[in-house]
Every structure is written in C-alpha cells, then in structure tokens.
Amino acid sequence: VQLQASGGGLVQAGGSLRLSCTASGFPFNDYAIAWFRQAPGKQRELVATITNGGATNYTHSRKGRFTISRDNSKNTVYLQMNSLRPEDTAVYYCNFRQVRRGAIEDYWGQGTLVTVSS
C-alpha cells in the first residue's frame, strides 16, 4: 500500500492550495480516504473524509473553505483549500484505513507541508 501526498507549499493568508493524494496497492475505489493534519506541537487531527461513494465530511469549520474530492480513474483524492489562514499551517497527511479480522490498519502518506504566512 502506498499513499503519495503532494501539493503543499508556502502561501499567503487568503490564498489557495490543492493537495493531491495518489494511492496504489489496494482497491482504491472500495475505500474511504481521509486527510489529516498535524501542526507543530499539536496532535494529528482529522480534516476531511470522502467515502468510496463520494460522500464527504468535514471537521470543525472547514466546510466552505476546504473541499475534498476524488478521481477514481486516477486513484487520487484531492483537498482544495481556499481562504487559508496561518492556523492552517501543518503537515497534511492522507490516510486509508481498513479493518481486517477485527484489527484496524491505518496507512499514511508521507505528508506534505503547508505553510500559510500572515
């Protein structure tokens, strides 16, 4: 299983970025994918999820600023981030979770750094 995240960078407050997560090694179309983030000195937190059917969910107040989407033909999930704020600065990770024989298995991409300057 591989998850390759990309698209991070340095952006000014109010700007936009689109993150991509390209997956391989598992039946991508069958699984939900999530984006998490981890800011310096903080715990990793869930940002958004998208099911295999395309249903989306966002945590906190990100709906309206962030949009998660997927292209099953490319095995890729995107996170469009608009109106970025300095507090959005973090390493962003994509995640795939499966449950096998009652055990949860989490797979993570390598992370992509988003830095929002004020």
N, C-alpha and C. Protein backbone atom coordinates (compact mmCIF):
# COMPACT_ATOMS: atom_id res chain seq x y z
N VAL A 1 0.86 -1.19 0.00
CA VAL A 1 0.00 0.00 0.00
C VAL A 1 0.89 1.23 0.00
N GLN A 2 0.59 2.15 -0.90
CA GLN A 2 1.32 3.42 -0.94
C GLN A 2 0.34 4.57 -1.12
N LEU A 3 0.62 5.63 -0.36
CA LEU A 3 -0.13 6.87 -0.48
C LEU A 3 0.89 7.99 -0.68
N GLN A 4 0.78 8.69 -1.78
CA GLN A 4 1.75 9.74 -2.10
C GLN A 4 1.04 11.08 -2.09
N ALA A 5 1.38 11.90 -1.09
CA ALA A 5 0.77 13.22 -0.97
C ALA A 5 1.67 14.27 -1.60
N SER A 6 1.05 15.26 -2.20
CA SER A 6 1.81 16.34 -2.83
C SER A 6 0.95 17.59 -2.88
N GLY A 7 1.58 18.71 -3.25
CA GLY A 7 0.84 19.94 -3.45
C GLY A 7 1.02 20.99 -2.38
N GLY A 8 1.72 20.67 -1.33
CA GLY A 8 1.95 21.64 -0.28
C GLY A 8 2.89 22.74 -0.72
N GLY A 9 3.00 23.75 0.12
CA GLY A 9 3.91 24.85 -0.19
C GLY A 9 3.66 26.03 0.70
N LEU A 10 4.26 27.14 0.35
CA LEU A 10 4.12 28.39 1.09
C LEU A 10 3.11 29.28 0.37
N VAL A 11 2.15 29.77 1.13
CA VAL A 11 1.12 30.63 0.54
C VAL A 11 0.76 31.72 1.54
N GLN A 12 0.36 32.86 1.05
CA GLN A 12 -0.05 33.94 1.93
C GLN A 12 -1.48 33.69 2.43
N ALA A 13 -1.78 34.27 3.57
CA ALA A 13 -3.13 34.16 4.12
C ALA A 13 -4.14 34.65 3.08
N GLY A 14 -5.22 33.90 2.96
CA GLY A 14 -6.23 34.20 1.96
C GLY A 14 -6.03 33.46 0.65
N GLY A 15 -4.88 32.83 0.50
CA GLY A 15 -4.58 32.12 -0.73
C GLY A 15 -5.15 30.72 -0.75
N SER A 16 -4.81 29.98 -1.81
CA SER A 16 -5.35 28.64 -2.02
C SER A 16 -4.25 27.66 -2.38
N LEU A 17 -4.51 26.41 -2.04
CA LEU A 17 -3.65 25.30 -2.46
C LEU A 17 -4.54 24.10 -2.74
N ARG A 18 -4.07 23.24 -3.62
CA ARG A 18 -4.76 21.97 -3.85
C ARG A 18 -3.78 20.83 -3.58
N LEU A 19 -4.11 20.03 -2.60
CA LEU A 19 -3.30 18.86 -2.28
C LEU A 19 -3.82 17.65 -3.04
N SER A 20 -2.90 16.75 -3.37
CA SER A 20 -3.26 15.52 -4.04
C SER A 20 -2.72 14.33 -3.26
N CYS A 21 -3.45 13.25 -3.30
CA CYS A 21 -3.01 12.00 -2.67
C CYS A 21 -3.28 10.88 -3.67
N THR A 22 -2.20 10.32 -4.19
CA THR A 22 -2.32 9.24 -5.17
C THR A 22 -2.01 7.92 -4.48
N ALA A 23 -2.91 6.97 -4.66
CA ALA A 23 -2.82 5.71 -3.93
C ALA A 23 -2.55 4.54 -4.86
N SER A 24 -1.94 3.50 -4.30
CA SER A 24 -1.70 2.27 -5.05
C SER A 24 -1.60 1.11 -4.07
N GLY A 25 -1.80 -0.09 -4.59
CA GLY A 25 -1.60 -1.27 -3.77
C GLY A 25 -2.84 -1.78 -3.06
N PHE A 26 -3.97 -1.16 -3.30
CA PHE A 26 -5.22 -1.64 -2.72
C PHE A 26 -6.36 -1.18 -3.63
N PRO A 27 -7.54 -1.79 -3.49
CA PRO A 27 -8.66 -1.42 -4.38
C PRO A 27 -9.23 -0.05 -4.00
N PHE A 28 -8.63 0.97 -4.56
CA PHE A 28 -8.91 2.35 -4.19
C PHE A 28 -10.41 2.66 -4.22
N ASN A 29 -11.08 2.17 -5.26
CA ASN A 29 -12.49 2.51 -5.44
C ASN A 29 -13.38 2.00 -4.30
N ASP A 30 -12.89 1.08 -3.51
CA ASP A 30 -13.70 0.45 -2.47
C ASP A 30 -13.60 1.11 -1.11
N TYR A 31 -12.71 2.10 -0.99
CA TYR A 31 -12.41 2.61 0.34
C TYR A 31 -12.55 4.12 0.47
N ALA A 32 -12.91 4.52 1.70
CA ALA A 32 -12.86 5.94 2.04
C ALA A 32 -11.41 6.38 2.22
N ILE A 33 -11.18 7.62 1.95
CA ILE A 33 -9.86 8.22 2.14
C ILE A 33 -10.05 9.48 2.99
N ALA A 34 -9.09 9.75 3.84
CA ALA A 34 -9.18 10.91 4.72
C ALA A 34 -7.92 11.76 4.60
N TRP A 35 -8.11 13.03 4.89
CA TRP A 35 -6.98 13.95 5.07
C TRP A 35 -6.91 14.31 6.55
N PHE A 36 -5.70 14.23 7.09
CA PHE A 36 -5.40 14.67 8.44
C PHE A 36 -4.35 15.77 8.35
N ARG A 37 -4.17 16.46 9.45
CA ARG A 37 -3.06 17.41 9.51
C ARG A 37 -2.48 17.43 10.92
N GLN A 38 -1.22 17.82 10.98
CA GLN A 38 -0.54 17.93 12.26
C GLN A 38 0.27 19.20 12.28
N ALA A 39 -0.14 20.11 13.14
CA ALA A 39 0.59 21.37 13.31
C ALA A 39 1.71 21.16 14.32
N PRO A 40 2.73 22.00 14.28
CA PRO A 40 3.85 21.85 15.22
C PRO A 40 3.38 21.84 16.67
N GLY A 41 3.80 20.83 17.40
CA GLY A 41 3.46 20.75 18.81
C GLY A 41 2.05 20.30 19.11
N LYS A 42 1.31 19.90 18.08
CA LYS A 42 -0.08 19.50 18.28
C LYS A 42 -0.30 18.08 17.80
N GLN A 43 -1.43 17.52 18.22
CA GLN A 43 -1.77 16.18 17.79
C GLN A 43 -2.31 16.20 16.36
N ARG A 44 -2.17 15.06 15.71
CA ARG A 44 -2.73 14.93 14.37
C ARG A 44 -4.25 14.97 14.47
N GLU A 45 -4.87 15.71 13.57
CA GLU A 45 -6.32 15.85 13.61
C GLU A 45 -6.93 15.59 12.24
N LEU A 46 -8.15 15.10 12.27
CA LEU A 46 -8.87 14.82 11.04
C LEU A 46 -9.36 16.12 10.42
N VAL A 47 -9.19 16.22 9.10
CA VAL A 47 -9.64 17.41 8.37
C VAL A 47 -10.90 17.10 7.57
N ALA A 48 -10.85 16.04 6.77
CA ALA A 48 -11.99 15.72 5.90
C ALA A 48 -11.89 14.27 5.46
N THR A 49 -13.05 13.70 5.14
CA THR A 49 -13.09 12.34 4.61
C THR A 49 -14.00 12.29 3.39
N ILE A 50 -13.74 11.32 2.53
CA ILE A 50 -14.60 11.06 1.40
C ILE A 50 -14.77 9.56 1.28
N THR A 51 -16.03 9.11 1.18
CA THR A 51 -16.28 7.69 1.09
C THR A 51 -16.04 7.19 -0.32
N ASN A 52 -16.12 5.87 -0.49
CA ASN A 52 -15.94 5.33 -1.83
C ASN A 52 -17.06 5.80 -2.75
N GLY A 53 -18.20 6.15 -2.19
CA GLY A 53 -19.32 6.64 -2.99
C GLY A 53 -19.31 8.14 -3.22
N GLY A 54 -18.33 8.82 -2.62
CA GLY A 54 -18.21 10.26 -2.84
C GLY A 54 -18.84 11.13 -1.78
N ALA A 55 -19.41 10.54 -0.73
CA ALA A 55 -19.95 11.35 0.35
C ALA A 55 -18.81 11.97 1.14
N THR A 56 -18.98 13.21 1.53
CA THR A 56 -17.89 13.94 2.19
C THR A 56 -18.29 14.37 3.60
N ASN A 57 -17.27 14.54 4.42
CA ASN A 57 -17.47 15.03 5.78
C ASN A 57 -16.28 15.88 6.16
N TYR A 58 -16.56 16.95 6.87
CA TYR A 58 -15.50 17.87 7.28
C TYR A 58 -15.58 18.07 8.79
N THR A 59 -14.45 18.30 9.39
CA THR A 59 -14.44 18.58 10.82
C THR A 59 -14.31 20.07 11.05
N HIS A 60 -14.79 20.49 12.21
CA HIS A 60 -14.74 21.88 12.62
C HIS A 60 -15.39 22.77 11.57
N SER A 61 -14.77 23.86 11.24
CA SER A 61 -15.42 24.82 10.35
C SER A 61 -14.81 24.82 8.95
N ARG A 62 -14.29 23.67 8.56
CA ARG A 62 -13.57 23.69 7.28
C ARG A 62 -14.49 23.59 6.08
N LYS A 63 -15.70 23.08 6.28
CA LYS A 63 -16.63 23.04 5.16
C LYS A 63 -16.89 24.46 4.73
N GLY A 64 -16.79 24.69 3.43
CA GLY A 64 -16.92 26.05 2.93
C GLY A 64 -15.57 26.63 2.54
N ARG A 65 -14.52 26.23 3.24
CA ARG A 65 -13.17 26.65 2.86
C ARG A 65 -12.43 25.50 2.18
N PHE A 66 -12.66 24.28 2.66
CA PHE A 66 -11.97 23.11 2.12
C PHE A 66 -12.96 22.24 1.36
N THR A 67 -12.50 21.63 0.29
CA THR A 67 -13.31 20.70 -0.47
C THR A 67 -12.50 19.45 -0.78
N ILE A 68 -13.02 18.31 -0.35
CA ILE A 68 -12.38 17.04 -0.65
C ILE A 68 -13.11 16.40 -1.82
N SER A 69 -12.34 15.81 -2.71
CA SER A 69 -12.92 15.15 -3.88
C SER A 69 -12.02 13.99 -4.28
N ARG A 70 -12.54 13.15 -5.18
CA ARG A 70 -11.73 12.01 -5.63
C ARG A 70 -11.98 11.76 -7.10
N ASP A 71 -10.92 11.24 -7.74
CA ASP A 71 -10.99 10.80 -9.12
C ASP A 71 -10.57 9.34 -9.13
N ASN A 72 -11.55 8.46 -9.17
CA ASN A 72 -11.24 7.03 -9.09
C ASN A 72 -10.45 6.53 -10.29
N SER A 73 -10.59 7.21 -11.43
CA SER A 73 -9.83 6.78 -12.61
C SER A 73 -8.33 7.04 -12.45
N LYS A 74 -8.00 7.94 -11.51
CA LYS A 74 -6.59 8.27 -11.26
C LYS A 74 -6.12 7.82 -9.89
N ASN A 75 -6.98 7.10 -9.16
CA ASN A 75 -6.63 6.67 -7.80
C ASN A 75 -6.14 7.84 -6.96
N THR A 76 -6.81 8.96 -7.08
CA THR A 76 -6.34 10.18 -6.44
C THR A 76 -7.47 10.88 -5.69
N VAL A 77 -7.13 11.37 -4.51
CA VAL A 77 -8.02 12.21 -3.72
C VAL A 77 -7.40 13.59 -3.63
N TYR A 78 -8.23 14.61 -3.70
CA TYR A 78 -7.76 15.99 -3.65
C TYR A 78 -8.32 16.69 -2.41
N LEU A 79 -7.58 17.70 -1.97
CA LEU A 79 -8.09 18.60 -0.94
C LEU A 79 -7.84 20.02 -1.43
N GLN A 80 -8.91 20.66 -1.87
CA GLN A 80 -8.83 22.05 -2.29
C GLN A 80 -9.01 22.93 -1.07
N MET A 81 -8.05 23.77 -0.81
CA MET A 81 -8.08 24.63 0.38
C MET A 81 -8.07 26.08 -0.05
N ASN A 82 -9.11 26.79 0.31
CA ASN A 82 -9.24 28.21 -0.03
C ASN A 82 -9.27 29.05 1.24
N SER A 83 -9.08 30.34 1.07
CA SER A 83 -9.10 31.27 2.20
C SER A 83 -8.22 30.76 3.34
N LEU A 84 -7.03 30.38 3.00
CA LEU A 84 -6.14 29.78 4.00
C LEU A 84 -5.75 30.80 5.08
N ARG A 85 -5.58 30.27 6.28
CA ARG A 85 -5.25 31.08 7.45
C ARG A 85 -3.93 30.59 8.03
N PRO A 86 -3.21 31.43 8.74
CA PRO A 86 -1.96 30.97 9.36
C PRO A 86 -2.16 29.72 10.23
N GLU A 87 -3.30 29.59 10.85
CA GLU A 87 -3.55 28.42 11.71
C GLU A 87 -3.77 27.14 10.91
N ASP A 88 -3.84 27.24 9.58
CA ASP A 88 -3.91 26.05 8.73
C ASP A 88 -2.52 25.48 8.47
N THR A 89 -1.49 26.18 8.92
CA THR A 89 -0.12 25.68 8.74
C THR A 89 0.05 24.34 9.45
N ALA A 90 0.49 23.35 8.69
CA ALA A 90 0.63 21.99 9.23
C ALA A 90 1.19 21.09 8.15
N VAL A 91 1.58 19.90 8.57
CA VAL A 91 1.85 18.83 7.61
C VAL A 91 0.55 18.09 7.39
N TYR A 92 0.18 17.94 6.14
CA TYR A 92 -1.08 17.29 5.76
C TYR A 92 -0.78 15.87 5.29
N TYR A 93 -1.56 14.94 5.84
CA TYR A 93 -1.37 13.52 5.53
C TYR A 93 -2.67 12.94 4.97
N CYS A 94 -2.54 12.08 3.98
CA CYS A 94 -3.71 11.32 3.57
C CYS A 94 -3.65 9.95 4.25
N ASN A 95 -4.82 9.39 4.41
CA ASN A 95 -4.97 8.17 5.22
C ASN A 95 -5.97 7.22 4.59
N PHE A 96 -5.63 5.97 4.67
CA PHE A 96 -6.53 4.89 4.26
C PHE A 96 -6.60 3.91 5.42
N ARG A 97 -7.79 3.53 5.80
CA ARG A 97 -7.97 2.63 6.93
C ARG A 97 -8.76 1.40 6.47
N GLN A 98 -8.28 0.25 6.88
CA GLN A 98 -9.07 -0.95 6.66
C GLN A 98 -9.12 -1.76 7.94
N VAL A 99 -10.17 -2.53 8.06
CA VAL A 99 -10.34 -3.39 9.23
C VAL A 99 -10.26 -4.82 8.76
N ARG A 100 -9.31 -5.55 9.29
CA ARG A 100 -9.14 -6.96 8.92
C ARG A 100 -9.12 -7.80 10.17
N ARG A 101 -10.00 -8.77 10.19
CA ARG A 101 -10.11 -9.69 11.34
C ARG A 101 -10.24 -8.91 12.64
N GLY A 102 -11.00 -7.83 12.59
CA GLY A 102 -11.28 -7.05 13.78
C GLY A 102 -10.19 -6.05 14.14
N ALA A 103 -9.09 -6.04 13.42
CA ALA A 103 -7.99 -5.12 13.74
C ALA A 103 -7.99 -3.96 12.75
N ILE A 104 -7.78 -2.75 13.29
CA ILE A 104 -7.72 -1.56 12.44
C ILE A 104 -6.30 -1.40 11.90
N GLU A 105 -6.22 -1.20 10.60
CA GLU A 105 -4.92 -0.96 9.97
C GLU A 105 -4.97 0.40 9.29
N ASP A 106 -4.13 1.31 9.72
CA ASP A 106 -4.04 2.65 9.15
C ASP A 106 -2.80 2.76 8.29
N TYR A 107 -3.00 3.32 7.11
CA TYR A 107 -1.89 3.58 6.21
C TYR A 107 -1.81 5.09 5.96
N TRP A 108 -0.59 5.60 5.95
CA TRP A 108 -0.38 7.04 5.84
C TRP A 108 0.53 7.37 4.68
N GLY A 109 0.24 8.50 4.03
CA GLY A 109 1.19 9.05 3.10
C GLY A 109 2.32 9.72 3.86
N GLN A 110 3.29 10.22 3.14
CA GLN A 110 4.48 10.79 3.78
C GLN A 110 4.24 12.21 4.29
N GLY A 111 3.13 12.81 3.91
CA GLY A 111 2.84 14.16 4.37
C GLY A 111 3.37 15.22 3.42
N THR A 112 2.63 16.31 3.35
CA THR A 112 3.07 17.45 2.56
C THR A 112 2.86 18.71 3.40
N LEU A 113 3.87 19.55 3.45
CA LEU A 113 3.88 20.70 4.34
C LEU A 113 3.16 21.88 3.70
N VAL A 114 2.22 22.43 4.45
CA VAL A 114 1.52 23.65 4.06
C VAL A 114 1.90 24.74 5.06
N THR A 115 2.42 25.84 4.55
CA THR A 115 2.78 26.97 5.39
C THR A 115 2.03 28.19 4.91
N VAL A 116 1.26 28.78 5.82
CA VAL A 116 0.47 29.96 5.48
C VAL A 116 1.04 31.15 6.24
N SER A 117 1.51 32.13 5.52
CA SER A 117 2.11 33.31 6.14
C SER A 117 1.04 34.40 6.31
N SER A 118 1.23 35.17 7.37
CA SER A 118 0.25 36.23 7.67
C SER A 118 0.61 37.52 6.96
